[in-house]
PDB file of N, CA and C in Angstrom:
ATOM      1  N   MET A   1     -14.954  22.121  13.161  1.00  0.00           N
ATOM      2  CA  MET A   1     -14.413  22.646  11.928  1.00  0.00           C
ATOM      3  C   MET A   1     -12.804  22.528  12.045  1.00  0.00           C
ATOM      4  N   ALA A   2     -12.284  21.998  11.077  1.00  0.00           N
ATOM      5  CA  ALA A   2     -10.797  21.836  10.994  1.00  0.00           C
ATOM      6  C   ALA A   2     -10.129  23.191  10.883  1.00  0.00           C
ATOM      7  N   LYS A   3      -9.006  23.216  11.604  1.00  0.00           N
ATOM      8  CA  LYS A   3      -8.119  24.434  11.537  1.00  0.00           C
ATOM      9  C   LYS A   3      -6.792  23.913  11.187  1.00  0.00           C
ATOM     10  N   ILE A   4      -6.286  24.249  10.108  1.00  0.00           N
ATOM     11  CA  ILE A   4      -4.950  23.830   9.667  1.00  0.00           C
ATOM     12  C   ILE A   4      -4.057  24.979   9.310  1.00  0.00           C
ATOM     13  N   ASN A   5      -2.745  24.750   9.528  1.00  0.00           N
ATOM     14  CA  ASN A   5      -1.751  25.794   9.158  1.00  0.00           C
ATOM     15  C   ASN A   5      -0.650  25.060   8.443  1.00  0.00           C
ATOM     16  N   VAL A   6      -0.630  25.235   7.102  1.00  0.00           N
ATOM     17  CA  VAL A   6       0.434  24.490   6.339  1.00  0.00           C
ATOM     18  C   VAL A   6       0.970  25.648   5.377  1.00  0.00           C
ATOM     19  N   TYR A   7       2.383  25.568   5.239  1.00  0.00           N
ATOM     20  CA  TYR A   7       2.998  26.472   4.291  1.00  0.00           C
ATOM     21  C   TYR A   7       3.177  25.824   2.997  1.00  0.00           C
ATOM     22  N   ILE A   8       2.634  26.348   1.956  1.00  0.00           N
ATOM     23  CA  ILE A   8       2.843  25.883   0.596  1.00  0.00           C
ATOM     24  C   ILE A   8       3.593  26.972  -0.141  1.00  0.00           C
ATOM     25  N   PRO A   9       4.753  26.604  -0.651  1.00  0.00           N
ATOM     26  CA  PRO A   9       5.622  27.665  -1.328  1.00  0.00           C
ATOM     27  C   PRO A   9       5.072  28.114  -2.655  1.00  0.00           C
ATOM     28  N   GLU A  10       5.342  29.288  -3.036  1.00  0.00           N
ATOM     29  CA  GLU A  10       4.960  29.875  -4.296  1.00  0.00           C
ATOM     30  C   GLU A  10       5.712  29.140  -5.339  1.00  0.00           C
ATOM     31  N   PRO A  11       5.114  28.905  -6.458  1.00  0.00           N
ATOM     32  CA  PRO A  11       5.878  28.266  -7.640  1.00  0.00           C
ATOM     33  C   PRO A  11       6.845  29.259  -8.180  1.00  0.00           C
ATOM     34  N   GLN A  12       7.984  28.735  -8.555  1.00  0.00           N
ATOM     35  CA  GLN A  12       8.996  29.430  -9.175  1.00  0.00           C
ATOM     36  C   GLN A  12       8.664  29.869 -10.612  1.00  0.00           C
ATOM     37  N   PRO A  13       9.214  30.989 -11.133  1.00  0.00           N
ATOM     38  CA  PRO A  13       8.890  31.325 -12.526  1.00  0.00           C
ATOM     39  C   PRO A  13       9.335  30.170 -13.568  1.00  0.00           C
ATOM     40  N   GLU A  14      10.379  29.484 -13.178  1.00  0.00           N
ATOM     41  CA  GLU A  14      10.877  28.407 -14.016  1.00  0.00           C
ATOM     42  C   GLU A  14      10.740  27.083 -13.201  1.00  0.00           C
ATOM     43  N   TYR A  15      10.361  26.114 -13.952  1.00  0.00           N
ATOM     44  CA  TYR A  15      10.156  24.768 -13.247  1.00  0.00           C
ATOM     45  C   TYR A  15      11.368  24.270 -12.491  1.00  0.00           C
ATOM     46  N   SER A  16      11.120  23.823 -11.275  1.00  0.00           N
ATOM     47  CA  SER A  16      12.203  23.295 -10.481  1.00  0.00           C
ATOM     48  C   SER A  16      11.635  22.074  -9.815  1.00  0.00           C
ATOM     49  N   PRO A  17      12.331  20.932  -9.987  1.00  0.00           N
ATOM     50  CA  PRO A  17      11.838  19.700  -9.357  1.00  0.00           C
ATOM     51  C   PRO A  17      11.730  19.833  -7.796  1.00  0.00           C
ATOM     52  N   GLU A  18      12.690  20.474  -7.206  1.00  0.00           N
ATOM     53  CA  GLU A  18      12.652  20.765  -5.767  1.00  0.00           C
ATOM     54  C   GLU A  18      11.423  21.497  -5.299  1.00  0.00           C
ATOM     55  N   ASN A  19      11.104  22.602  -6.034  1.00  0.00           N
ATOM     56  CA  ASN A  19       9.951  23.495  -5.724  1.00  0.00           C
ATOM     57  C   ASN A  19       8.695  22.664  -5.910  1.00  0.00           C
ATOM     58  N   PHE A  20       8.667  21.836  -6.967  1.00  0.00           N
ATOM     59  CA  PHE A  20       7.453  21.068  -7.220  1.00  0.00           C
ATOM     60  C   PHE A  20       7.189  20.031  -6.112  1.00  0.00           C
ATOM     61  N   ARG A  21       8.315  19.427  -5.626  1.00  0.00           N
ATOM     62  CA  ARG A  21       8.215  18.466  -4.499  1.00  0.00           C
ATOM     63  C   ARG A  21       7.735  19.146  -3.161  1.00  0.00           C
ATOM     64  N   GLN A  22       8.209  20.342  -2.962  1.00  0.00           N
ATOM     65  CA  GLN A  22       7.727  21.159  -1.793  1.00  0.00           C
ATOM     66  C   GLN A  22       6.229  21.405  -1.820  1.00  0.00           C
ATOM     67  N   ILE A  23       5.748  21.831  -3.032  1.00  0.00           N
ATOM     68  CA  ILE A  23       4.392  22.053  -3.191  1.00  0.00           C
ATOM     69  C   ILE A  23       3.554  20.889  -2.935  1.00  0.00           C
ATOM     70  N   ASN A  24       4.090  19.733  -3.621  1.00  0.00           N
ATOM     71  CA  ASN A  24       3.426  18.470  -3.515  1.00  0.00           C
ATOM     72  C   ASN A  24       3.294  17.935  -2.060  1.00  0.00           C
ATOM     73  N   GLN A  25       4.351  18.141  -1.257  1.00  0.00           N
ATOM     74  CA  GLN A  25       4.413  17.760   0.126  1.00  0.00           C
ATOM     75  C   GLN A  25       3.510  18.594   0.981  1.00  0.00           C
ATOM     76  N   GLY A  26       3.337  19.920   0.614  1.00  0.00           N
ATOM     77  CA  GLY A  26       2.367  20.804   1.338  1.00  0.00           C
ATOM     78  C   GLY A  26       1.001  20.342   1.137  1.00  0.00           C
ATOM     79  N   LEU A  27       0.598  19.971  -0.039  1.00  0.00           N
ATOM     80  CA  LEU A  27      -0.728  19.470  -0.364  1.00  0.00           C
ATOM     81  C   LEU A  27      -0.964  18.220   0.260  1.00  0.00           C
ATOM     82  N   ALA A  28      -0.016  17.241   0.286  1.00  0.00           N
ATOM     83  CA  ALA A  28      -0.212  15.996   0.989  1.00  0.00           C
ATOM     84  C   ALA A  28      -0.390  16.183   2.473  1.00  0.00           C
ATOM     85  N   THR A  29       0.315  17.185   3.103  1.00  0.00           N
ATOM     86  CA  THR A  29       0.130  17.532   4.472  1.00  0.00           C
ATOM     87  C   THR A  29      -1.322  18.066   4.728  1.00  0.00           C
ATOM     88  N   ILE A  30      -1.739  18.948   3.887  1.00  0.00           N
ATOM     89  CA  ILE A  30      -3.187  19.506   4.006  1.00  0.00           C
ATOM     90  C   ILE A  30      -4.204  18.293   4.016  1.00  0.00           C
ATOM     91  N   GLU A  31      -4.012  17.366   3.063  1.00  0.00           N
ATOM     92  CA  GLU A  31      -4.860  16.343   2.889  1.00  0.00           C
ATOM     93  C   GLU A  31      -4.959  15.448   4.180  1.00  0.00           C
ATOM     94  N   ASN A  32      -3.786  15.136   4.683  1.00  0.00           N
ATOM     95  CA  ASN A  32      -3.662  14.344   5.901  1.00  0.00           C
ATOM     96  C   ASN A  32      -4.274  14.972   7.062  1.00  0.00           C
ATOM     97  N   GLN A  33      -4.029  16.365   7.269  1.00  0.00           N
ATOM     98  CA  GLN A  33      -4.597  16.990   8.370  1.00  0.00           C
ATOM     99  C   GLN A  33      -6.178  17.119   8.261  1.00  0.00           C
ATOM    100  N   LEU A  34      -6.645  17.363   7.072  1.00  0.00           N
ATOM    101  CA  LEU A  34      -8.095  17.433   6.980  1.00  0.00           C
ATOM    102  C   LEU A  34      -8.780  15.967   7.292  1.00  0.00           C
ATOM    103  N   ASN A  35      -8.079  14.989   6.689  1.00  0.00           N
ATOM    104  CA  ASN A  35      -8.697  13.687   6.993  1.00  0.00           C
ATOM    105  C   ASN A  35      -8.638  13.323   8.522  1.00  0.00           C
ATOM    106  N   THR A  36      -7.575  13.666   9.103  1.00  0.00           N
ATOM    107  CA  THR A  36      -7.511  13.368  10.607  1.00  0.00           C
ATOM    108  C   THR A  36      -8.503  14.245  11.388  1.00  0.00           C
ATOM    109  N   SER A  37      -8.475  15.416  11.040  1.00  0.00           N
ATOM    110  CA  SER A  37      -9.486  16.338  11.815  1.00  0.00           C
ATOM    111  C   SER A  37     -10.888  16.023  11.517  1.00  0.00           C
ATOM    112  N   PHE A  38     -11.252  15.493  10.252  1.00  0.00           N
ATOM    113  CA  PHE A  38     -12.574  15.222   9.954  1.00  0.00           C
ATOM    114  C   PHE A  38     -13.069  14.020  10.798  1.00  0.00           C
ATOM    115  N   GLN A  39     -12.224  12.988  10.972  1.00  0.00           N
ATOM    116  CA  GLN A  39     -12.517  11.876  11.775  1.00  0.00           C
ATOM    117  C   GLN A  39     -12.859  12.305  13.240  1.00  0.00           C
ATOM    118  N   GLN A  40     -11.979  13.273  13.751  1.00  0.00           N
ATOM    119  CA  GLN A  40     -12.244  13.778  15.102  1.00  0.00           C
ATOM    120  C   GLN A  40     -13.531  14.505  15.229  1.00  0.00           C
ATOM    121  N   ASP A  41     -13.842  15.301  14.165  1.00  0.00           N
ATOM    122  CA  ASP A  41     -15.161  15.970  14.184  1.00  0.00           C
ATOM    123  C   ASP A  41     -16.314  15.032  14.195  1.00  0.00           C
ATOM    124  N   LEU A  42     -16.252  13.945  13.444  1.00  0.00           N
ATOM    125  CA  LEU A  42     -17.228  12.929  13.469  1.00  0.00           C
ATOM    126  C   LEU A  42     -17.457  12.327  14.845  1.00  0.00           C
ATOM    127  N   LYS A  43     -16.283  12.078  15.557  1.00  0.00           N
ATOM    128  CA  LYS A  43     -16.291  11.399  16.762  1.00  0.00           C
ATOM    129  C   LYS A  43     -16.914  12.301  17.819  1.00  0.00           C
ATOM    130  N   ASN A  44     -16.600  13.596  17.675  1.00  0.00           N
ATOM    131  CA  ASN A  44     -17.059  14.591  18.709  1.00  0.00           C
ATOM    132  C   ASN A  44     -18.640  14.733  18.511  1.00  0.00           C
ATOM    133  N   GLU A  45     -18.988  14.704  17.144  1.00  0.00           N
ATOM    134  CA  GLU A  45     -20.510  14.798  16.928  1.00  0.00           C
ATOM    135  C   GLU A  45     -21.250  13.645  17.491  1.00  0.00           C
ATOM    136  N   GLN A  46     -20.690  12.415  17.311  1.00  0.00           N
ATOM    137  CA  GLN A  46     -21.291  11.246  17.793  1.00  0.00           C
ATOM    138  C   GLN A  46     -21.409  11.305  19.367  1.00  0.00           C
ATOM    139  N   ASP A  47     -20.298  11.654  19.959  1.00  0.00           N
ATOM    140  CA  ASP A  47     -20.260  11.790  21.412  1.00  0.00           C
ATOM    141  C   ASP A  47     -21.365  12.700  21.959  1.00  0.00           C
ATOM    142  N   SER A  48     -21.514  13.895  21.273  1.00  0.00           N
ATOM    143  CA  SER A  48     -22.503  14.858  21.711  1.00  0.00           C
ATOM    144  C   SER A  48     -23.871  14.285  21.551  1.00  0.00           C
ATOM    145  N   PHE A  49     -24.153  13.497  20.424  1.00  0.00           N
ATOM    146  CA  PHE A  49     -25.390  12.945  20.238  1.00  0.00           C
ATOM    147  C   PHE A  49     -25.717  11.843  21.285  1.00  0.00           C
ATOM    148  N   ASN A  50     -24.664  11.048  21.582  1.00  0.00           N
ATOM    149  CA  ASN A  50     -24.907  10.013  22.564  1.00  0.00           C
ATOM    150  C   ASN A  50     -25.134  10.575  23.970  1.00  0.00           C
ATOM    151  N   TYR A  51     -24.478  11.653  24.320  1.00  0.00           N
ATOM    152  CA  TYR A  51     -24.625  12.399  25.611  1.00  0.00           C
ATOM    153  C   TYR A  51     -26.106  12.898  25.751  1.00  0.00           C
ATOM    154  N   PHE A  52     -26.596  13.492  24.642  1.00  0.00           N
ATOM    155  CA  PHE A  52     -27.954  14.041  24.629  1.00  0.00           C
ATOM    156  C   PHE A  52     -28.862  12.992  24.754  1.00  0.00           C
ATOM    157  N   MET A  53     -28.738  11.795  24.011  1.00  0.00           N
ATOM    158  CA  MET A  53     -29.803  10.689  24.094  1.00  0.00           C
ATOM    159  C   MET A  53     -29.704  10.116  25.473  1.00  0.00           C
ATOM    160  N   GLN A  54     -28.624  10.018  26.151  1.00  0.00           N
ATOM    161  CA  GLN A  54     -28.492   9.475  27.458  1.00  0.00           C
ATOM    162  C   GLN A  54     -29.244  10.325  28.416  1.00  0.00           C
ATOM    163  N   TRP A  55     -28.998  11.710  28.305  1.00  0.00           N
ATOM    164  CA  TRP A  55     -29.758  12.706  29.085  1.00  0.00           C
ATOM    165  C   TRP A  55     -31.231  12.643  29.029  1.00  0.00           C
ATOM    166  N   GLN A  56     -31.761  12.363  27.820  1.00  0.00           N
ATOM    167  CA  GLN A  56     -33.161  12.225  27.557  1.00  0.00           C
ATOM    168  C   GLN A  56     -33.698  10.960  28.219  1.00  0.00           C
ATOM    169  N   LEU A  57     -32.954   9.785  28.197  1.00  0.00           N
ATOM    170  CA  LEU A  57     -33.284   8.522  28.707  1.00  0.00           C
ATOM    171  C   LEU A  57     -33.363   8.790  30.279  1.00  0.00           C
ATOM    172  N   ASP A  58     -32.430   9.497  30.898  1.00  0.00           N
ATOM    173  CA  ASP A  58     -32.384   9.667  32.292  1.00  0.00           C
ATOM    174  C   ASP A  58     -33.521  10.532  32.797  1.00  0.00           C
ATOM    175  N   ILE A  59     -33.917  11.532  31.985  1.00  0.00           N
ATOM    176  CA  ILE A  59     -35.065  12.351  32.408  1.00  0.00           C
ATOM    177  C   ILE A  59     -36.368  11.478  32.346  1.00  0.00           C
ATOM    178  N   LYS A  60     -36.566  10.669  31.290  1.00  0.00           N
ATOM    179  CA  LYS A  60     -37.737   9.863  31.184  1.00  0.00           C
ATOM    180  C   LYS A  60     -37.742   8.763  32.263  1.00  0.00           C
ATOM    181  N   ALA A  61     -36.639   8.273  32.719  1.00  0.00           N
ATOM    182  CA  ALA A  61     -36.550   7.342  33.738  1.00  0.00           C
ATOM    183  C   ALA A  61     -36.940   7.967  34.987  1.00  0.00           C
ATOM    184  N   GLN A  62     -36.645   9.141  35.281  1.00  0.00           N
ATOM    185  CA  GLN A  62     -36.920   9.794  36.553  1.00  0.00           C
ATOM    186  C   GLN A  62     -38.511  10.080  36.625  1.00  0.00           C
ATOM    187  N   HIS A  63     -39.048  10.348  35.486  1.00  0.00           N
ATOM    188  CA  HIS A  63     -40.524  10.541  35.480  1.00  0.00           C
ATOM    189  C   HIS A  63     -41.355   9.338  35.740  1.00  0.00           C
ATOM    190  N   LEU A  64     -40.782   8.130  35.373  1.00  0.00           N
ATOM    191  CA  LEU A  64     -41.349   6.903  35.543  1.00  0.00           C
ATOM    192  C   LEU A  64     -41.373   6.379  36.851  1.00  0.00           C
ATOM    193  N   ILE A  65     -40.351   6.905  37.699  1.00  0.00           N
ATOM    194  CA  ILE A  65     -40.280   6.403  39.075  1.00  0.00           C
ATOM    195  C   ILE A  65     -41.241   7.061  40.043  1.00  0.00           C
TER     196      ILE A  65
END
């Protein structure tokens, strides 16, 4: 599960281009961190599955000997 810490500023009562850019940048940072951590989660899940399958094959091989 992804854990991210990103600061997104509160919107100002009146429109401010700088405030809008900061909010936009914060959202882009969240998107980037979620995409990156999701790929790592998929890799970890695949590594765990591969380890389990190799363990199963090792046990079956020992019983055949």
